[in-house]
Protein backbone atom coordinates (compact mmCIF):
# COMPACT_ATOMS: atom_id res chain seq x y z
CA MET A 1 0.00 0.00 0.00
CA PHE A 2 2.78 2.42 0.97
CA LEU A 3 4.74 1.73 -2.20
CA ALA A 4 1.72 1.91 -4.50
CA TYR A 5 0.59 5.23 -3.07
CA ALA A 6 4.11 6.61 -3.25
CA LYS A 7 4.51 5.60 -6.91
CA ILE A 8 1.45 7.61 -7.88
CA ASN A 9 2.43 10.69 -5.91
CA ASN A 10 6.13 10.69 -6.74
CA ALA A 11 5.13 11.34 -10.34
CA VAL A 12 3.77 14.73 -9.34
CA SER A 13 7.07 16.38 -8.38
CA LEU A 14 10.15 16.81 -10.53
CA PRO A 15 13.41 15.72 -8.85
CA GLY A 16 15.88 18.55 -8.57
CA LYS A 17 13.21 21.24 -8.85
CA SER A 18 12.60 23.44 -5.84
CA THR A 19 9.08 23.23 -4.44
CA ALA A 20 9.78 25.40 -1.42
CA LEU A 21 7.16 28.03 -2.26
CA LYS A 22 4.72 26.06 -4.40
CA PHE A 23 1.90 23.98 -2.98
CA ASN A 24 1.39 20.75 -4.91
CA ARG A 25 -0.59 17.55 -4.64
CA GLN A 26 2.08 15.87 -2.54
CA ASP A 27 1.44 18.46 0.15
CA LEU A 28 -2.04 17.05 0.65
CA LEU A 29 -0.57 14.06 2.47
CA PRO A 30 1.36 15.96 5.17
CA LEU A 31 -1.57 18.37 5.41
CA ALA A 32 -3.91 15.45 6.12
CA LEU A 33 -1.52 14.14 8.78
CA LEU A 34 -1.32 17.58 10.39
CA ILE A 35 -5.11 17.95 10.42
CA ALA A 36 -5.40 14.54 12.11
CA ALA A 37 -2.73 15.53 14.66
CA ALA A 38 -4.49 18.84 15.33
CA VAL A 39 -7.84 17.13 15.94
CA ILE A 40 -6.29 14.72 18.44
CA LYS A 41 -4.16 17.41 20.10
CA PHE A 42 -6.89 20.01 20.59
CA GLN A 43 -9.96 17.82 20.94
CA PHE A 44 -8.74 14.88 23.02
CA HIS A 45 -5.30 15.50 24.51
CA GLU A 46 -5.02 16.83 28.07
CA LEU A 47 -1.74 18.40 29.17
CA TRP A 48 0.20 16.76 31.97
CA LYS A 49 2.81 18.22 34.30
CA ASP A 50 5.80 17.82 31.97
CA GLU A 51 4.03 19.78 29.23
CA TRP A 52 2.89 22.55 31.58
CA GLN A 53 6.28 22.90 33.30
CA ALA A 54 8.11 24.47 30.36
CA TRP A 55 5.21 26.85 29.68
CA LEU A 56 5.04 27.99 33.31
CA VAL A 57 8.80 28.51 33.47
CA ALA A 58 8.77 30.52 30.23
CA ARG A 59 5.78 32.58 31.40
CA ASP A 60 6.78 33.35 34.97
CA MET A 61 10.58 33.69 34.82
CA SER A 62 12.64 36.58 33.53
CA LEU A 63 15.36 35.70 31.03
CA SER A 64 18.06 35.95 33.69
CA GLN A 65 16.07 33.68 36.03
CA LEU A 66 15.44 31.28 33.16
CA PHE A 67 19.11 30.87 32.25
CA GLY A 68 19.96 30.34 35.91
CA PHE A 69 17.31 27.62 36.15
CA LEU A 70 18.27 25.47 33.15
CA ASN A 71 20.82 23.34 34.98
CA TYR A 72 18.02 22.13 37.28
CA GLU A 73 15.71 21.41 34.34
CA GLY A 74 18.31 19.48 32.37
CA HIS A 75 17.03 21.02 29.12
CA PRO A 76 18.73 23.80 27.11
CA ALA A 77 17.07 27.14 26.48
CA LEU A 78 15.54 26.93 23.01
CA TRP A 79 12.10 25.51 23.88
CA TYR A 80 11.62 28.02 26.71
CA LEU A 81 12.76 30.94 24.54
CA TYR A 82 10.47 29.76 21.75
CA LEU A 83 7.50 29.66 24.15
CA LYS A 84 8.28 33.06 25.73
CA PRO A 85 6.60 35.21 23.03
CA TRP A 86 3.57 32.91 23.00
CA THR A 87 3.09 33.46 26.75
CA LEU A 88 2.58 37.18 26.10
CA LEU A 89 -0.83 36.28 24.65
CA ALA A 90 -1.92 34.50 27.84
CA SER A 91 -4.19 37.36 28.88
CA VAL A 92 -6.34 37.02 25.75
CA VAL A 93 -6.03 33.34 24.71
CA ARG A 94 -6.47 30.22 26.84
CA GLU A 95 -3.03 29.02 27.90
CA ASP A 96 -3.40 25.32 27.13
CA LEU A 97 -4.54 26.34 23.64
CA LEU A 98 -1.54 28.64 23.22
CA LEU A 99 0.88 25.89 24.20
CA GLY A 100 -0.77 23.52 21.74
CA LEU A 101 -0.62 26.13 18.97
CA ALA A 102 3.07 26.82 19.64
CA HIS A 103 3.88 23.14 19.43
CA MET A 104 1.62 22.68 16.39
CA ALA A 105 3.48 25.42 14.51
CA ALA A 106 6.81 23.63 15.06
CA LEU A 107 5.24 20.29 14.12
CA THR A 108 3.88 21.79 10.89
CA VAL A 109 7.28 23.09 9.78
CA SER A 110 8.93 19.78 10.69
CA THR A 111 6.37 17.74 8.78
CA PHE A 112 6.70 19.78 5.61
CA LEU A 113 10.51 19.69 5.84
CA LEU A 114 10.32 15.91 5.94
CA PHE A 115 7.85 15.55 3.07
CA ARG A 116 9.53 18.20 0.90
CA ASN A 117 12.80 16.23 1.03
CA GLN A 118 13.14 14.93 -2.53
CA SER A 119 15.79 12.31 -1.78
CA LEU A 120 13.62 10.04 0.36
CA HIS A 121 10.94 7.82 -1.15
CA LEU A 122 7.42 8.94 -0.26
CA ALA A 123 6.65 5.50 1.19
CA GLU A 124 9.42 6.02 3.75
CA LYS A 125 8.31 9.54 4.58
CA LEU A 126 4.77 8.36 5.16
CA ALA A 127 5.88 5.39 7.25
CA LEU A 128 8.20 7.55 9.37
CA ALA A 129 5.55 10.22 9.89
CA LEU A 130 3.03 7.63 11.08
CA THR A 131 5.30 6.11 13.73
CA TYR A 132 4.54 6.56 17.42
CA PHE A 133 7.56 8.80 17.86
CA LEU A 134 7.04 11.32 15.09
CA PHE A 135 3.25 11.40 15.25
CA PHE A 136 2.38 10.96 18.93
CA GLU A 137 5.32 11.26 21.31
CA TYR A 138 6.81 14.27 19.56
CA GLY A 139 3.72 15.38 17.63
CA ILE A 140 0.78 15.21 20.04
CA VAL A 141 2.56 15.60 23.38
CA ASN A 142 3.62 19.24 23.65
CA ARG A 143 7.30 18.96 24.56
CA GLY A 144 10.45 20.60 23.25
CA TYR A 145 11.63 17.45 21.50
CA ILE A 146 9.81 18.67 18.39
CA LEU A 147 12.52 21.33 18.02
CA VAL A 148 15.15 18.58 17.81
CA ILE A 149 13.38 17.25 14.74
CA LEU A 150 12.75 20.70 13.25
CA THR A 151 16.32 22.02 13.57
CA ALA A 152 17.89 18.73 12.44
CA LEU A 153 15.64 18.52 9.37
CA PHE A 154 16.36 22.15 8.55
CA PHE A 155 20.10 21.39 8.68
CA ILE A 156 19.68 18.49 6.26
CA HIS A 157 17.34 20.59 4.08
CA SER A 158 20.11 23.22 3.76
CA LEU A 159 22.88 20.74 2.89
CA PRO A 160 22.27 20.29 -0.87
CA LYS A 161 22.04 24.05 -1.36
CA GLN A 162 25.19 24.62 0.75
CA LYS A 163 23.59 27.39 2.77
CA THR A 164 26.62 27.64 5.03
CA TYR A 165 25.41 30.12 7.62
CA ALA A 166 21.97 28.54 7.79
CA MET A 167 23.57 25.14 8.45
CA ALA A 168 25.86 26.56 11.13
CA ALA A 169 22.91 28.27 12.79
CA ALA A 170 20.90 25.04 12.66
CA LEU A 171 23.73 23.13 14.35
CA PHE A 172 23.99 25.79 17.05
CA LEU A 173 20.24 25.68 17.67
CA LEU A 174 20.17 21.87 17.58
CA CYS A 175 22.57 21.91 20.54
CA GLN A 176 20.09 24.14 22.40
CA THR A 177 17.16 21.72 22.07
CA GLU A 178 18.05 18.65 24.14
CA VAL A 179 21.17 16.73 25.07
CA TYR A 180 20.09 14.25 22.39
CA GLY A 181 20.00 17.08 19.86
CA THR A 182 23.60 17.84 20.82
CA LEU A 183 24.53 14.19 20.28
CA MET A 184 22.81 14.23 16.87
CA ALA A 185 24.70 17.35 15.84
CA LEU A 186 27.97 15.65 16.77
CA VAL A 187 27.05 12.48 14.89
CA MET A 188 26.01 14.25 11.68
CA MET A 189 29.09 16.45 11.63
CA PHE A 190 31.35 13.47 12.36
CA TYR A 191 29.99 11.74 9.27
CA LEU A 192 30.06 14.82 7.01
CA VAL A 193 33.61 15.78 7.97
CA TRP A 194 34.74 12.18 7.50
CA GLN A 195 32.97 11.98 4.15
CA GLU A 196 33.73 15.43 2.72
CA GLY A 197 36.64 16.83 4.72
CA TRP A 198 36.73 19.48 7.40
CA GLN A 199 37.60 22.34 5.02
CA LYS A 200 34.14 22.17 3.46
CA HIS A 201 32.52 22.39 6.88
CA LYS A 202 34.64 25.00 8.69
CA THR A 203 31.68 27.30 9.31
CA ASN A 204 29.54 24.37 10.41
CA LEU A 205 32.22 23.32 12.88
CA VAL A 206 32.25 26.84 14.33
CA GLY A 207 28.46 26.68 14.73
CA LEU A 208 28.73 23.26 16.36
CA GLY A 209 31.51 24.38 18.70
CA ALA A 210 29.56 27.46 19.78
CA GLY A 211 26.48 25.30 20.31
CA LEU A 212 28.38 22.83 22.46
CA LEU A 213 29.84 25.64 24.56
CA ALA A 214 26.43 27.25 25.09
CA PHE A 215 24.96 23.86 25.96
CA VAL A 216 27.60 23.09 28.59
CA ILE A 217 27.43 26.56 30.16
CA SER A 218 23.64 26.54 30.42
CA VAL A 219 22.83 22.93 31.30
CA TYR A 220 25.83 21.32 32.99
CA PRO A 221 24.73 20.34 36.54
CA ARG A 222 25.87 22.83 39.17
CA GLY A 223 24.91 22.95 42.83
CA ASN A 224 24.13 20.35 45.46
CA GLU A 225 25.57 17.00 44.33
CA ASP A 226 23.05 15.13 46.47
CA ASP A 227 20.20 16.77 44.56
CA PHE A 228 21.63 15.87 41.15
CA SER A 229 22.43 12.33 42.26
CA ARG A 230 18.69 11.64 42.28
CA ALA A 231 18.37 12.63 38.63
CA TYR A 232 21.30 10.82 37.04
CA VAL A 233 22.64 7.27 36.99
CA GLN A 234 24.62 6.40 40.09
CA GLY A 235 26.98 3.57 40.93
CA GLY A 236 29.04 3.40 37.75
CA PHE A 237 28.97 0.83 34.99
CA THR A 238 27.33 -2.57 35.41
CA PHE A 239 26.42 -5.16 32.79
CA GLU A 240 22.80 -5.05 33.96
CA LYS A 241 22.61 -1.31 33.27
CA LEU A 242 24.12 -1.90 29.83
CA GLN A 243 21.53 -4.60 29.08
CA LEU A 244 18.65 -2.33 30.07
CA ALA A 245 20.06 0.59 28.08
CA PHE A 246 20.55 -1.54 24.97
CA GLN A 247 17.07 -3.00 25.24
CA GLY A 248 15.53 0.43 25.81
CA MET A 249 17.39 2.28 23.06
CA LEU A 250 16.94 -0.39 20.39
CA GLY A 251 14.40 -3.04 21.39
CA ASN A 252 11.98 -0.60 23.04
CA THR A 253 12.34 1.82 20.12
CA PHE A 254 12.11 -0.25 16.96
CA GLY A 255 10.04 -2.96 18.68
CA ILE A 256 7.86 -0.70 20.79
CA GLY A 257 4.64 -2.37 21.88
CA LEU A 258 5.87 -5.89 21.15
CA PHE A 259 6.97 -6.49 24.76
CA THR A 260 6.60 -4.88 28.17
CA ASP A 261 8.21 -1.44 28.35
CA THR A 262 11.76 -1.71 29.71
CA SER A 263 11.06 1.06 32.25
CA PHE A 264 8.40 -1.13 33.88
CA GLY A 265 9.26 -4.71 32.98
CA GLY A 266 13.04 -4.54 33.10
CA TYR A 267 15.22 -6.90 31.12
CA SER A 268 13.60 -9.54 28.90
CA ALA A 269 14.99 -12.01 26.40
CA LEU A 270 12.46 -10.87 23.78
CA GLY A 271 13.38 -7.21 24.25
CA THR A 272 17.07 -7.95 23.84
CA LEU A 273 16.43 -10.13 20.80
CA LEU A 274 14.37 -7.37 19.16
CA GLY A 275 17.16 -4.91 19.95
CA LEU A 276 19.70 -7.15 18.24
CA ILE A 277 17.44 -7.60 15.21
CA ALA A 278 16.88 -3.83 14.97
CA LEU A 279 20.60 -3.12 15.22
CA GLY A 280 21.35 -5.74 12.58
CA LEU A 281 18.71 -4.54 10.12
CA THR A 282 19.54 -0.85 10.49
CA THR A 283 23.27 -1.53 10.16
CA TYR A 284 22.74 -3.63 7.03
CA LEU A 285 20.55 -0.85 5.63
CA PHE A 286 23.60 1.45 5.62
CA ALA A 287 25.85 -1.25 4.10
CA GLY A 288 26.25 0.62 0.80
CA ASN A 289 28.06 3.44 2.61
CA LYS A 290 30.72 2.11 4.97
CA LYS A 291 31.40 5.47 6.59
CA LEU A 292 27.71 5.99 7.30
CA GLN A 293 27.40 2.43 8.53
CA ILE A 294 30.26 2.90 10.99
CA THR A 295 28.83 6.27 12.02
CA TRP A 296 25.49 4.61 12.83
CA LEU A 297 27.14 1.88 14.88
CA LEU A 298 29.22 4.40 16.83
CA ALA A 299 26.15 6.60 17.36
CA ALA A 300 24.02 3.70 18.60
CA ALA A 301 26.82 2.67 20.96
CA GLY A 302 27.13 6.26 22.20
CA PHE A 303 23.41 6.56 22.89
CA VAL A 304 23.41 3.23 24.74
CA LEU A 305 26.43 4.24 26.83
CA PHE A 306 24.81 7.60 27.64
CA SER A 307 21.74 5.74 28.89
CA THR A 308 23.99 3.35 30.84
CA LEU A 309 26.24 5.89 32.53
CA VAL A 310 24.44 9.25 32.62
CA PHE A 311 20.65 9.17 32.30
CA ASN A 312 18.44 6.09 31.99
CA GLY A 313 15.60 7.84 30.22
CA GLY A 314 12.39 6.26 28.96
CA VAL A 315 10.48 5.89 25.71
CA ARG A 316 10.58 9.64 25.07
CA GLN A 317 14.39 9.72 25.28
CA TRP A 318 14.96 6.36 23.59
CA GLY A 319 12.92 7.54 20.62
CA MET A 320 15.61 10.10 19.89
CA LEU A 321 17.73 7.25 18.49
CA PHE A 322 14.89 6.53 16.06
CA VAL A 323 15.01 10.19 14.98
CA LEU A 324 18.77 9.92 14.47
CA PHE A 325 18.24 6.82 12.33
CA MET A 326 15.83 8.84 10.17
CA LEU A 327 18.36 11.67 9.82
CA LEU A 328 21.16 9.34 8.75
CA ARG A 329 18.80 7.67 6.31
CA LEU A 330 18.11 11.11 4.79
CA LEU A 331 21.85 11.72 4.46
CA GLN A 332 22.25 8.32 2.82
CA CYS A 333 19.53 9.05 0.27
CA GLN A 334 20.99 12.47 -0.53
CA ALA A 335 24.27 10.78 -1.43
CA SER A 336 22.77 7.98 -3.58
CA ILE A 337 19.43 6.89 -5.03
CA PRO A 338 17.76 4.55 -2.52
CA ALA A 339 17.22 0.95 -3.57
CA ARG A 340 13.71 -0.50 -3.44
CA TRP A 341 14.74 -3.11 -0.87
CA GLN A 342 16.02 -0.35 1.40
CA THR A 343 12.73 1.50 1.17
CA LEU A 344 10.87 -1.70 1.94
CA ALA A 345 13.21 -2.41 4.90
CA VAL A 346 12.54 1.03 6.39
CA VAL A 347 8.79 0.57 6.03
CA ILE A 348 9.03 -2.82 7.75
CA LEU A 349 11.14 -1.33 10.57
CA CYS A 350 8.42 1.29 11.05
CA LEU A 351 5.56 -1.19 11.37
CA PRO A 352 5.78 -1.82 15.16
CA PRO A 353 6.01 1.94 15.91
CA ILE A 354 3.08 2.56 13.53
CA LEU A 355 0.93 -0.03 15.30
CA HIS A 356 1.91 1.42 18.67
CA ASN A 357 0.98 4.87 17.40
CA LEU A 358 -2.52 3.66 16.54
CA LYS A 359 -2.82 2.19 20.03
CA ALA A 360 -1.64 5.44 21.65
CA ILE A 361 -4.10 7.49 19.58
CA SER A 362 -6.93 5.16 20.55
CA GLN A 363 -6.04 5.44 24.23
CA ASP A 364 -5.75 9.22 24.09
CA ILE A 365 -9.22 9.42 22.54
CA LYS A 366 -10.82 6.97 24.97
CA LEU A 367 -8.98 7.98 28.16
CA PRO A 368 -7.88 11.30 29.62
CA PHE A 369 -4.14 11.77 29.21
CA SER A 370 -4.24 13.26 32.70
CA ASN A 371 -6.93 14.20 35.23
CA ALA A 372 -5.37 17.67 35.50
CA LYS A 373 -7.89 19.34 33.20
CA ALA A 374 -10.89 18.02 35.14
CA ALA A 375 -9.28 18.96 38.46
CA GLY A 376 -8.49 22.43 37.13
CA ALA A 377 -12.08 22.94 36.04
CA PHE A 378 -13.23 21.92 39.52
CA ILE A 379 -10.91 24.49 41.11
CA THR A 380 -12.22 27.22 38.81
CA GLU A 381 -15.86 26.37 39.46
CA LYS A 382 -15.85 25.47 43.16
CA ILE A 383 -12.99 27.23 44.96
CA PRO A 384 -13.21 31.02 45.38
CA GLU A 385 -10.08 33.06 44.64
CA ASN A 386 -9.78 34.17 48.27
CA VAL A 387 -9.52 30.59 49.57
CA PRO A 388 -5.87 29.45 49.70
CA ILE A 389 -5.03 26.09 48.11
CA VAL A 390 -2.11 24.22 49.66
CA SER A 391 -0.36 21.50 47.69
CA LEU A 392 1.15 18.50 49.44
CA ASN A 393 3.18 17.66 46.32
CA LYS A 394 3.87 20.55 43.96
CA PHE A 395 5.31 18.24 41.28
CA GLU A 396 2.09 16.30 40.97
CA THR A 397 -0.45 19.10 41.39
CA ALA A 398 1.01 21.96 39.33
CA ALA A 399 -0.82 20.89 36.16
CA ALA A 400 -4.26 21.27 37.78
CA ALA A 401 -3.33 24.71 39.06
CA ALA A 402 -2.15 25.68 35.56
CA TYR A 403 -5.46 24.63 34.03
CA ALA A 404 -7.27 26.69 36.67
CA GLY A 405 -5.00 29.69 36.22
CA ARG A 406 -4.36 29.67 39.96
CA LYS A 407 -1.33 29.60 42.18
CA MET A 408 -1.09 27.05 44.94
CA TYR A 409 0.91 27.40 48.15
CA GLU A 410 3.76 25.24 49.34
CA LEU A 411 4.89 24.72 52.91
CA PRO A 412 6.94 25.29 55.00
CA THR A 413 7.69 28.56 53.15
CA GLY A 414 4.03 29.50 52.66
CA THR A 415 4.84 30.96 49.25
CA PRO A 416 2.74 30.61 46.10
CA PHE A 417 4.14 28.67 43.15
CA THR A 418 3.31 27.75 39.57
CA TYR A 419 6.31 25.79 38.25
CA PHE A 420 8.46 23.42 40.30
CA HIS A 421 12.08 22.33 40.72
CA TRP A 422 12.57 18.75 39.57
CA LEU A 423 15.32 18.06 42.10
CA GLN A 424 13.56 19.62 45.09
CA LYS A 425 12.57 17.18 47.81
CA VAL A 426 8.87 16.93 48.61
CA TYR A 427 8.00 18.44 51.98
CA VAL A 428 4.77 17.20 53.58
CA PRO A 429 3.62 19.61 56.31
CA THR A 430 2.01 18.60 59.59
CA GLN A 431 -1.59 19.44 60.43
CA THR A 432 -0.32 22.02 62.90
CA GLU A 433 1.60 23.78 60.14
CA LEU A 434 -1.54 23.88 58.01
CA ILE A 435 -3.49 25.48 60.87
CA LEU A 436 -0.74 28.04 61.47
CA PHE A 437 -0.68 28.88 57.76
CA ALA A 438 -4.46 29.43 57.76
CA ARG A 439 -4.09 31.81 60.69
CA TYR A 440 -1.25 33.61 58.91
CA LYS A 441 -3.48 34.06 55.85
CA LYS A 442 -6.35 35.17 58.15
CA VAL A 443 -8.80 32.62 56.75
CA THR A 444 -11.10 30.12 58.44
CA GLY A 445 -10.19 27.24 56.20
CA LEU A 446 -7.91 25.83 53.52
CA ILE A 447 -8.19 23.53 50.55
CA ILE A 448 -5.52 20.85 50.53
CA VAL A 449 -4.60 19.07 47.27
CA SER A 450 -2.71 15.82 47.09
CA ASN A 451 -1.88 13.34 44.35
CA LYS A 452 -2.81 10.42 46.61
CA PRO A 453 -4.96 9.75 49.70
CA ILE A 454 -3.59 11.29 52.88
CA ASP A 455 -2.99 9.55 56.18
CA ASP A 456 -6.08 10.19 58.33
CA ARG A 457 -4.04 9.63 61.48
CA ARG A 458 -1.64 12.41 60.52
CA PHE A 459 -4.38 14.79 59.35
CA PRO A 460 -7.49 13.96 61.43
CA MET A 461 -9.11 17.36 60.81
CA LEU A 462 -8.96 17.14 57.01
CA LYS A 463 -12.16 16.00 55.30
CA LEU A 464 -12.15 14.51 51.82
CA TRP A 465 -14.16 16.69 49.44
CA LYS A 466 -13.55 15.53 45.87
CA THR A 467 -11.40 12.98 44.03
CA PHE A 468 -10.28 12.74 40.41
CA THR A 469 -9.16 9.15 40.02
CA ASP A 470 -10.55 8.11 36.64
CA GLU A 471 -8.19 5.94 34.65
CA ASN A 472 -5.79 8.15 32.72
CA PHE A 473 -2.71 7.77 30.52
CA LYS A 474 -0.23 9.33 32.97
CA SER A 475 -1.81 8.17 36.26
CA GLU A 476 -2.16 11.76 37.45
CA ASP A 477 -4.82 11.73 40.19
CA TYR A 478 -6.07 14.49 42.49
CA PHE A 479 -7.55 14.44 45.98
CA PHE A 480 -9.13 17.60 47.42
CA TYR A 481 -9.47 17.99 51.18
CA VAL A 482 -11.02 20.71 53.32
CA LEU A 483 -9.52 22.06 56.53
CA ASP A 484 -12.45 23.84 58.21
CA LEU A 485 -11.44 25.98 61.21
CA ARG A 486 -14.74 27.80 61.76
CA GLY A 487 -15.47 25.67 64.79
CA GLY A 488 -12.07 26.25 66.36
CA VAL A 489 -9.17 23.86 66.87
CA GLY A 490 -10.24 21.34 69.42
């Protein structure tokens, strides 16, 4: 089906002719995909805490505060800087809609960059675009990983035209997307310099070097080592960690949905076998270009070692290796006309991620992605602005507050918050502290929000008011309690 459809549509465009400004029939396919993504994103997808966090940081921090905060976030600046202008419209447009529109704009550019690439067979472009990673994980979920894809595709788009400064800028920006974007920039430049010589890429190397420097300065962990130890891999190298990293990066990526997720199920013989098959097939796919083949093997090994020694990650991070595979495949096809068996092999490799994408779409339509939207609506409707809301876990409750457009309070400081610090330890106040805070705020009661049921023995005065525990994709639940002090304190 893929190949038959592609044969018809490939006849529409003329190889070698620029179609950058002209809409043609081939554009109907990416347009249809984008319309489908927009319907799912805006009609069915609820934002969860990871999506809201970047928006809240971009909205509520000054630029100086933002750059001082990045080392705690573990993400470079580009996504936050991209969101910053969008947040200026928050007073006139609903914020969850603005975030979705910002992400949708980046997804649109990325999709057209992929489909306008004349070197890759349309069957491959369609198969890649329909995978779980490109369509759902990086297309529906509103995270900064979409900028990895956009900047990397723009770099490859600029290569045939030798737009030197555009390529250098793309490499610099790619290093400001994610650590995986930085790794991709290194991998692509390693191959191009090896293939074409460093003299041809002097400006690109300057852009890459500046990007690496900016990345290290902004993101390298600084501060309390105990805090950062909770975020990164500890204990050094072990064979078990290597097994899990290999299975996650390769088996869980190319064979996603065929076995229990490595993050939950751990090591499995099937997962490792699928990882080996994926590595073998992808390596053989690059067999016509030894330098590219070696580059892919070194890159896969580097990603696995990064997961082993630095940050375990999960499906979202492991999928970045799939994106790198796509980028190297684009470079391969720019250098030589792809063989039919290669196109067929790529389509086959995409089948498990395509099936998993359909499953994810179905779940997102049937189930809430998070209960945050429903909890936020409850706050807006039922809790007056003058009633303080105290969160017992700011990490897990910030999304509901964002939907409500409210600030919650954290103890023991008694300060309001919107965003959170990933590495900050959760502080659970005592009932006495809650009473003292109510007196400090000169109110006769508080609303307490938790992500799980509280201990009645620790908080005997708190009465359960409302729960949001419907099954949801991210298991984000909300429990609302009332501390009523109108009758005194015992």
